[in-house]
């Protein structure tokens, strides 16, 4: 048994998602958990960032051994470590991904280098379509982060779904991201400033938290139609610099409805102004089915089977009898696992073995087409958008198309 060294260039390594990717790769390497036949695959991170000082800080903090501000130098180092196999992981901000990739791909060899990217793929369908075209025309293997699917709670839910026979579902996601205007430092700078303006982010919570699409379709299958209502709940926020007030112009609340071909209706609320009361944290999904129900989050799950569900009868209600509803649920044991490490490992093995990888950039682009449909619906007072109107690869946007981002029609609450 030997080691296969796999150099992974992390472009944007000093950002939040870059750091998460680095930690996941280091965990895979340290644990020796990734096997290819009799060999152990050990990823080696090569960090790329614009700031030498930030790279040096990350090297001290996280043990990043290889890094550079020059992507070309990082590519050459990766080839020295393993001339046959390299990986390029793009973790830069969504709004600049298209341009960064346009500059990076000519430096990479599609015969030896696979490309992995953060979600959402792009700020809108047109940019995403250009990214996919560049990858496909260049002959690159490609994948996109869908890390919620590899969390312990969602992984178990996917196993149990056939036994539940789902009928309907509700998703609730969010936590309080305070405006930062009341002097409480705990509610200041929780998320980067770019999240709150269209110019910097390309969209609000519908775009940024586009996990909803791949979660719903993984659980319930193909989408038949969807609709949305969006609001701007917090119009002003304090910048992370502590003194600049940001005038927000993208949605921070969305109520979504997705109807699946199989009949399941999934309604969900995604909000950056939610005080969490869910047992399993900021994401809670409830699935009611013919044979049972599940409530789960990323790191917990409980189930209630039809045979053990208590009946609610009016006779007991009028007599004052109390039903302990939560006592009739069964907690399911889950594996302790790093979803980012699991997903990266799955992609690495797919690349090294030449196996298909369904969570690729084309899949991510089609989900981005559904994001565009949500925005269209929200701009039209929640009109139901059928799947026939979704933008899907290889379709190009219509002539004169511009992404709808609710400018001029986004309503506030007060």
Protein backbone atom coordinates (compact mmCIF):
# COMPACT_ATOMS: atom_id res chain seq x y z
CA UNK A 1 0.00 0.00 0.00
CA UNK A 2 1.35 3.42 -0.97
CA UNK A 3 0.36 7.07 -0.92
CA UNK A 4 -1.00 9.01 -3.88
CA UNK A 5 -0.23 12.69 -3.40
CA UNK A 6 -2.98 14.83 -4.93
CA UNK A 7 -2.18 18.55 -5.14
CA UNK A 8 -5.30 20.70 -4.77
CA UNK A 9 -5.03 24.38 -5.69
CA UNK A 10 -7.49 26.33 -3.52
CA UNK A 11 -8.13 29.63 -5.29
CA UNK A 12 -9.44 32.07 -2.70
CA UNK A 13 -8.04 30.07 0.21
CA UNK A 14 -8.05 32.98 2.67
CA UNK A 15 -11.82 33.47 2.37
CA UNK A 16 -14.39 31.67 4.49
CA UNK A 17 -15.14 28.88 2.01
CA UNK A 18 -11.48 28.51 1.09
CA UNK A 19 -10.58 27.94 4.72
CA UNK A 20 -13.34 25.35 5.05
CA UNK A 21 -12.03 23.53 1.97
CA UNK A 22 -8.48 23.59 3.33
CA UNK A 23 -9.59 22.14 6.65
CA UNK A 24 -11.52 19.37 4.89
CA UNK A 25 -8.53 18.44 2.71
CA UNK A 26 -6.21 18.41 5.72
CA UNK A 27 -8.61 16.12 7.56
CA UNK A 28 -8.70 13.68 4.64
CA UNK A 29 -4.90 13.64 4.47
CA UNK A 30 -4.37 13.26 8.22
CA UNK A 31 -6.93 10.50 8.67
CA UNK A 32 -5.89 8.60 5.56
CA UNK A 33 -9.58 8.00 4.92
CA UNK A 34 -9.54 8.14 1.12
CA UNK A 35 -8.59 4.85 -0.53
CA UNK A 36 -8.03 3.95 -4.16
CA UNK A 37 -7.59 0.20 -4.35
CA UNK A 38 -4.64 -0.50 -2.02
CA UNK A 39 -3.37 3.08 -2.03
CA UNK A 40 -4.22 6.03 0.22
CA UNK A 41 -4.99 9.34 -1.49
CA UNK A 42 -3.53 12.25 0.47
CA UNK A 43 -4.55 15.71 -0.77
CA UNK A 44 -2.04 18.52 -0.42
CA UNK A 45 -3.48 22.03 -0.39
CA UNK A 46 -1.81 24.80 -2.39
CA UNK A 47 -3.34 28.12 -1.43
CA UNK A 48 -3.80 31.03 -3.82
CA UNK A 49 -4.86 34.50 -2.72
CA UNK A 50 -4.22 38.10 -3.68
CA UNK A 51 -2.75 38.94 -0.28
CA UNK A 52 0.66 37.60 0.71
CA UNK A 53 0.08 38.74 4.29
CA UNK A 54 -3.22 36.85 4.50
CA UNK A 55 -1.54 33.73 3.10
CA UNK A 56 1.25 33.96 5.67
CA UNK A 57 -1.29 34.39 8.47
CA UNK A 58 -3.21 31.33 7.26
CA UNK A 59 0.01 29.36 7.03
CA UNK A 60 0.73 30.06 10.69
CA UNK A 61 -2.84 29.49 11.84
CA UNK A 62 -3.77 26.40 9.82
CA UNK A 63 -0.50 24.84 8.73
CA UNK A 64 -0.83 25.74 5.05
CA UNK A 65 2.57 24.70 3.71
CA UNK A 66 2.25 25.62 0.03
CA UNK A 67 0.89 28.98 -1.10
CA UNK A 68 1.37 31.78 -3.61
CA UNK A 69 -0.20 34.99 -4.87
CA UNK A 70 0.62 33.79 -8.41
CA UNK A 71 -1.73 31.14 -9.83
CA UNK A 72 0.77 30.15 -12.51
CA UNK A 73 3.38 29.39 -9.85
CA UNK A 74 0.82 27.35 -7.89
CA UNK A 75 -0.02 25.32 -11.01
CA UNK A 76 3.66 24.59 -11.63
CA UNK A 77 4.10 23.49 -8.04
CA UNK A 78 1.08 21.20 -8.32
CA UNK A 79 2.55 19.56 -11.41
CA UNK A 80 5.82 18.96 -9.61
CA UNK A 81 3.98 17.24 -6.76
CA UNK A 82 2.01 15.00 -9.14
CA UNK A 83 2.46 15.38 -12.91
CA UNK A 84 -0.51 13.07 -13.65
CA UNK A 85 -3.27 14.38 -11.37
CA UNK A 86 -4.08 17.83 -9.99
CA UNK A 87 -7.24 19.54 -8.82
CA UNK A 88 -8.23 23.20 -9.00
CA UNK A 89 -10.81 24.28 -6.39
CA UNK A 90 -12.36 27.70 -7.03
CA UNK A 91 -13.70 29.22 -3.79
CA UNK A 92 -13.73 32.90 -4.78
CA UNK A 93 -16.78 35.13 -4.38
CA UNK A 94 -19.68 34.22 -6.66
CA UNK A 95 -19.71 37.55 -8.49
CA UNK A 96 -16.15 37.23 -9.80
CA UNK A 97 -16.05 33.49 -10.50
CA UNK A 98 -16.61 33.79 -14.25
CA UNK A 99 -13.69 36.17 -14.76
CA UNK A 100 -11.39 34.32 -12.37
CA UNK A 101 -12.08 31.05 -14.18
CA UNK A 102 -11.59 32.69 -17.57
CA UNK A 103 -8.11 33.70 -16.42
CA UNK A 104 -7.36 30.36 -14.73
CA UNK A 105 -8.49 27.73 -17.24
CA UNK A 106 -5.84 28.54 -19.89
CA UNK A 107 -3.19 27.72 -17.26
CA UNK A 108 -4.68 24.30 -16.50
CA UNK A 109 -4.33 21.05 -18.44
CA UNK A 110 -7.71 19.30 -18.81
CA UNK A 111 -5.90 15.98 -19.24
CA UNK A 112 -4.53 16.17 -15.69
CA UNK A 113 -6.57 18.81 -13.83
CA UNK A 114 -10.13 18.50 -12.55
CA UNK A 115 -12.09 21.61 -11.56
CA UNK A 116 -14.26 21.95 -8.45
CA UNK A 117 -16.26 25.08 -7.56
CA UNK A 118 -18.26 26.64 -4.78
CA UNK A 119 -21.98 27.26 -5.06
CA UNK A 120 -23.82 29.14 -6.38
CA UNK A 121 -22.03 28.64 -9.67
CA UNK A 122 -22.51 32.27 -10.73
CA UNK A 123 -24.57 35.37 -9.86
CA UNK A 124 -26.99 34.64 -12.72
CA UNK A 125 -27.72 32.11 -15.45
CA UNK A 126 -25.84 33.92 -18.23
CA UNK A 127 -22.56 33.92 -16.30
CA UNK A 128 -23.15 30.31 -15.27
CA UNK A 129 -23.81 29.34 -18.88
CA UNK A 130 -20.50 30.94 -19.90
CA UNK A 131 -18.65 29.02 -17.17
CA UNK A 132 -20.15 25.70 -18.26
CA UNK A 133 -19.34 26.43 -21.90
CA UNK A 134 -15.71 27.17 -21.04
CA UNK A 135 -15.38 23.97 -19.01
CA UNK A 136 -17.09 21.78 -21.59
CA UNK A 137 -15.25 23.25 -24.57
CA UNK A 138 -11.98 22.94 -22.67
CA UNK A 139 -12.61 19.27 -21.91
CA UNK A 140 -12.41 19.63 -18.11
CA UNK A 141 -13.92 17.33 -15.50
CA UNK A 142 -15.97 19.55 -13.19
CA UNK A 143 -17.98 19.45 -10.00
CA UNK A 144 -19.78 21.93 -7.75
CA UNK A 145 -20.26 21.98 -3.97
CA UNK A 146 -23.56 20.50 -2.72
CA UNK A 147 -22.32 19.88 0.82
CA UNK A 148 -25.71 19.79 2.59
CA UNK A 149 -26.31 16.39 0.96
CA UNK A 150 -23.35 14.83 2.79
CA UNK A 151 -24.24 16.10 6.26
CA UNK A 152 -25.21 13.35 8.74
CA UNK A 153 -28.85 14.43 9.03
CA UNK A 154 -29.58 14.83 5.34
CA UNK A 155 -27.67 11.65 4.44
CA UNK A 156 -29.85 9.64 6.81
CA UNK A 157 -33.00 11.36 5.54
CA UNK A 158 -32.14 10.32 2.00
CA UNK A 159 -31.87 6.72 3.20
CA UNK A 160 -35.23 6.86 5.00
CA UNK A 161 -37.23 8.70 2.33
CA UNK A 162 -38.37 5.51 0.51
CA UNK A 163 -39.68 4.09 3.79
CA UNK A 164 -41.53 7.32 4.62
CA UNK A 165 -43.28 7.59 1.22
CA UNK A 166 -43.33 11.41 1.34
CA UNK A 167 -46.49 13.42 0.74
CA UNK A 168 -45.50 16.97 1.75
CA UNK A 169 -42.60 18.88 3.26
CA UNK A 170 -41.64 22.13 4.93
CA UNK A 171 -38.17 23.67 5.14
CA UNK A 172 -37.22 26.41 7.58
CA UNK A 173 -33.78 27.98 7.33
CA UNK A 174 -32.07 30.98 8.84
CA UNK A 175 -30.75 32.68 11.91
CA UNK A 176 -30.65 36.24 13.15
CA UNK A 177 -28.09 38.29 11.29
CA UNK A 178 -28.46 41.50 13.24
CA UNK A 179 -28.24 44.92 11.60
CA UNK A 180 -25.30 45.73 13.86
CA UNK A 181 -26.72 49.17 14.66
CA UNK A 182 -27.39 48.67 18.36
CA UNK A 183 -23.81 48.39 19.55
CA UNK A 184 -23.95 44.65 20.28
CA UNK A 185 -20.71 43.26 18.77
CA UNK A 186 -22.16 39.74 18.63
CA UNK A 187 -24.60 40.89 15.96
CA UNK A 188 -22.06 42.80 13.89
CA UNK A 189 -20.16 41.38 10.93
CA UNK A 190 -21.77 37.94 11.06
CA UNK A 191 -21.77 37.75 7.27
CA UNK A 192 -19.59 39.64 4.78
CA UNK A 193 -20.76 43.06 3.59
CA UNK A 194 -21.14 41.93 -0.02
CA UNK A 195 -24.22 39.87 0.92
CA UNK A 196 -26.39 42.96 1.26
CA UNK A 197 -26.06 44.79 -2.08
CA UNK A 198 -26.90 43.74 -5.61
CA UNK A 199 -23.74 45.24 -7.06
CA UNK A 200 -21.54 43.09 -4.83
CA UNK A 201 -23.59 39.90 -4.42
CA UNK A 202 -25.68 39.59 -7.57
CA UNK A 203 -28.74 38.71 -5.50
CA UNK A 204 -30.02 38.08 -2.00
CA UNK A 205 -30.90 35.00 0.01
CA UNK A 206 -32.65 33.24 -2.90
CA UNK A 207 -29.36 33.19 -4.81
CA UNK A 208 -26.92 32.88 -1.93
CA UNK A 209 -28.72 30.03 -0.18
CA UNK A 210 -29.55 28.07 -3.31
CA UNK A 211 -29.14 24.85 -1.33
CA UNK A 212 -32.94 24.69 -1.39
CA UNK A 213 -33.04 23.44 -4.97
CA UNK A 214 -30.66 20.52 -4.72
CA UNK A 215 -32.01 19.52 -1.31
CA UNK A 216 -35.61 19.44 -2.49
CA UNK A 217 -34.85 17.56 -5.70
CA UNK A 218 -32.58 15.03 -3.96
CA UNK A 219 -35.39 14.28 -1.51
CA UNK A 220 -38.46 14.48 -3.75
CA UNK A 221 -37.35 14.30 -7.38
CA UNK A 222 -37.87 16.51 -10.40
CA UNK A 223 -39.59 19.89 -10.08
CA UNK A 224 -42.88 20.56 -11.88
CA UNK A 225 -43.34 24.22 -10.92
CA UNK A 226 -42.28 26.78 -8.34
CA UNK A 227 -43.22 30.16 -6.91
CA UNK A 228 -41.82 32.73 -4.49
CA UNK A 229 -42.49 35.81 -2.40
CA UNK A 230 -39.52 37.92 -1.25
CA UNK A 231 -39.02 40.82 1.14
CA UNK A 232 -36.31 43.16 2.38
CA UNK A 233 -36.66 42.92 6.15
CA UNK A 234 -33.56 44.87 7.25
CA UNK A 235 -33.02 47.93 5.02
CA UNK A 236 -29.80 49.12 6.65
CA UNK A 237 -26.87 47.27 8.19
CA UNK A 238 -23.59 48.25 9.79
CA UNK A 239 -20.53 47.37 7.73
CA UNK A 240 -17.87 45.07 9.13
CA UNK A 241 -15.67 48.18 9.33
CA UNK A 242 -17.80 49.30 12.28
CA UNK A 243 -18.78 52.76 11.03
CA UNK A 244 -20.20 52.61 7.48
CA UNK A 245 -23.95 52.06 7.13
CA UNK A 246 -24.94 49.86 4.18
CA UNK A 247 -28.17 50.57 2.32
CA UNK A 248 -29.38 47.06 1.50
CA UNK A 249 -31.11 46.42 -1.83
CA UNK A 250 -31.46 42.61 -2.03
CA UNK A 251 -33.97 40.29 -0.38
CA UNK A 252 -33.15 38.82 3.04
CA UNK A 253 -36.42 36.85 3.36
CA UNK A 254 -38.02 34.45 0.89
CA UNK A 255 -41.05 32.17 1.06
CA UNK A 256 -40.71 29.47 -1.59
CA UNK A 257 -43.05 26.78 -2.88
CA UNK A 258 -41.84 23.92 -5.03
CA UNK A 259 -44.19 21.36 -6.56
CA UNK A 260 -42.54 18.10 -7.60
CA UNK A 261 -43.52 15.84 -10.48
CA UNK A 262 -44.29 13.04 -8.01
CA UNK A 263 -46.86 15.22 -6.24
CA UNK A 264 -44.90 16.34 -3.17
CA UNK A 265 -45.29 20.03 -2.34
CA UNK A 266 -42.36 21.56 -0.46
CA UNK A 267 -42.94 24.96 1.14
CA UNK A 268 -40.01 26.74 2.73
CA UNK A 269 -38.95 29.97 4.39
CA UNK A 270 -35.38 31.26 4.17
CA UNK A 271 -34.58 34.29 6.31
CA UNK A 272 -31.66 36.24 7.75
CA UNK A 273 -33.90 37.56 10.52
CA UNK A 274 -35.01 34.41 12.29
CA UNK A 275 -34.45 33.60 15.94
CA UNK A 276 -33.79 29.87 15.98
CA UNK A 277 -36.13 27.63 17.95
CA UNK A 278 -35.50 24.48 15.91
CA UNK A 279 -34.22 21.42 17.71
CA UNK A 280 -31.59 20.74 15.05
CA UNK A 281 -30.35 24.27 14.40
CA UNK A 282 -30.76 26.87 11.62
CA UNK A 283 -32.07 24.34 9.09
CA UNK A 284 -35.11 22.23 9.99
CA UNK A 285 -36.92 20.07 7.44
CA UNK A 286 -40.19 18.28 8.15
CA UNK A 287 -41.36 15.52 5.83
CA UNK A 288 -44.80 13.97 6.33
CA UNK A 289 -45.38 10.68 4.56
CA UNK A 290 -47.86 7.89 4.19
CA UNK A 291 -45.89 5.54 6.43
CA UNK A 292 -44.18 8.01 8.74
CA UNK A 293 -42.73 11.48 9.27
CA UNK A 294 -39.24 12.89 9.74
CA UNK A 295 -37.90 16.07 11.28
CA UNK A 296 -34.23 16.69 10.62
CA UNK A 297 -31.46 19.21 10.25
CA UNK A 298 -27.89 18.96 9.10
CA UNK A 299 -26.73 17.12 12.21
CA UNK A 300 -29.81 15.49 13.72
CA UNK A 301 -32.89 13.49 12.77
CA UNK A 302 -35.95 12.00 14.43
CA UNK A 303 -38.72 9.88 12.98
CA UNK A 304 -42.29 8.96 13.86
CA UNK A 305 -43.81 5.92 12.20
CA UNK A 306 -47.49 5.66 11.43
CA UNK A 307 -47.90 2.85 13.96
CA UNK A 308 -46.61 4.98 16.86
CA UNK A 309 -48.24 8.32 15.99
CA UNK A 310 -50.71 9.59 18.63
CA UNK A 311 -54.23 10.40 17.46
CA UNK A 312 -55.67 13.84 18.19
CA UNK A 313 -59.33 13.47 19.24
CA UNK A 314 -61.70 16.24 20.23
CA UNK A 315 -62.97 14.29 23.24
CA UNK A 316 -59.52 14.48 24.84
CA UNK A 317 -59.16 18.14 23.96
CA UNK A 318 -62.36 19.21 25.70
CA UNK A 319 -61.55 17.11 28.76
CA UNK A 320 -58.22 18.90 29.17
CA UNK A 321 -56.11 15.79 28.56
CA UNK A 322 -52.61 16.75 27.46
CA UNK A 323 -50.75 14.88 24.73
CA UNK A 324 -46.95 14.92 24.94
CA UNK A 325 -46.50 15.08 21.21
CA UNK A 326 -42.70 14.97 21.22
CA UNK A 327 -42.59 11.81 23.31
CA UNK A 328 -43.74 9.81 20.29
CA UNK A 329 -40.65 10.55 18.19
CA UNK A 330 -37.59 8.32 17.87
CA UNK A 331 -34.10 9.82 17.53
CA UNK A 332 -31.92 8.14 14.92
CA UNK A 333 -28.20 7.63 15.55
CA UNK A 334 -26.01 9.41 13.01
CA UNK A 335 -22.38 9.13 11.99
CA UNK A 336 -20.09 11.99 13.01
CA UNK A 337 -18.67 13.17 9.69
CA UNK A 338 -17.33 16.29 8.00
CA UNK A 339 -19.65 16.92 5.02
CA UNK A 340 -17.05 18.96 3.17
CA UNK A 341 -14.44 16.20 3.54
CA UNK A 342 -16.94 13.55 2.44
CA UNK A 343 -17.96 15.51 -0.65
CA UNK A 344 -14.42 16.42 -1.66
CA UNK A 345 -13.41 12.79 -1.19
CA UNK A 346 -16.27 11.60 -3.38
CA UNK A 347 -15.26 14.00 -6.14
CA UNK A 348 -11.58 13.06 -5.93
CA UNK A 349 -12.37 9.36 -6.25
CA UNK A 350 -14.73 9.99 -9.17
CA UNK A 351 -11.95 11.88 -10.95
CA UNK A 352 -9.22 9.32 -10.23
CA UNK A 353 -11.39 6.38 -11.30
CA UNK A 354 -13.02 8.11 -14.27
CA UNK A 355 -16.47 7.59 -12.74
CA UNK A 356 -19.46 9.86 -13.50
CA UNK A 357 -20.04 12.72 -11.07
CA UNK A 358 -23.66 13.93 -11.20
CA UNK A 359 -23.18 17.10 -9.13
CA UNK A 360 -21.33 18.86 -11.90
CA UNK A 361 -21.46 22.41 -13.26
CA UNK A 362 -24.29 21.54 -15.66
CA UNK A 363 -26.43 20.36 -12.74
CA UNK A 364 -25.54 23.53 -10.82
CA UNK A 365 -26.42 25.66 -13.85
CA UNK A 366 -29.85 24.05 -14.14
CA UNK A 367 -30.46 24.81 -10.46
CA UNK A 368 -29.42 28.40 -11.17
CA UNK A 369 -32.09 28.43 -13.87
CA UNK A 370 -34.60 27.57 -11.15
CA UNK A 371 -33.25 30.43 -9.03
CA UNK A 372 -34.02 32.73 -11.96
CA UNK A 373 -37.57 31.34 -11.99
CA UNK A 374 -37.96 32.10 -8.28
CA UNK A 375 -36.96 35.72 -8.91
CA UNK A 376 -39.36 35.95 -11.84
CA UNK A 377 -42.17 34.63 -9.65
CA UNK A 378 -41.35 37.04 -6.81
CA UNK A 379 -41.37 39.97 -9.24
CA UNK A 380 -44.81 38.88 -10.48
CA UNK A 381 -46.55 38.61 -7.10
CA UNK A 382 -45.82 34.91 -6.66
CA UNK A 383 -46.91 33.64 -10.08
CA UNK A 384 -46.41 29.90 -10.43
CA UNK A 385 -43.62 29.23 -12.93
CA UNK A 386 -43.87 25.87 -14.77
CA UNK A 387 -40.75 23.82 -15.52
CA UNK A 388 -41.20 24.55 -19.21
CA UNK A 389 -40.15 28.16 -18.46
CA UNK A 390 -36.97 27.23 -16.55
CA UNK A 391 -33.66 28.12 -18.17
CA UNK A 392 -31.77 24.83 -18.65
CA UNK A 393 -28.49 23.86 -20.27
CA UNK A 394 -27.69 24.00 -23.15
CA UNK A 395 -30.21 26.82 -23.64
CA UNK A 396 -28.78 30.31 -23.81
CA UNK A 397 -30.65 33.27 -22.31
CA UNK A 398 -33.05 34.92 -24.78
CA UNK A 399 -31.82 37.96 -26.68
CA UNK A 400 -31.87 41.02 -24.45
CA UNK A 401 -32.30 38.90 -21.31
CA UNK A 402 -31.42 40.47 -17.97
CA UNK A 403 -31.56 38.68 -14.64
CA UNK A 404 -34.55 39.68 -12.51
CA UNK A 405 -33.39 40.77 -9.06
CA UNK A 406 -36.47 42.64 -7.87
CA UNK A 407 -34.94 46.09 -8.29
CA UNK A 408 -37.74 48.62 -8.07
CA UNK A 409 -40.28 46.04 -6.90
CA UNK A 410 -38.66 44.63 -3.73
CA UNK A 411 -40.98 45.40 -0.83
CA UNK A 412 -40.00 46.06 2.74
CA UNK A 413 -41.95 45.27 5.88
CA UNK A 414 -42.14 48.65 7.53
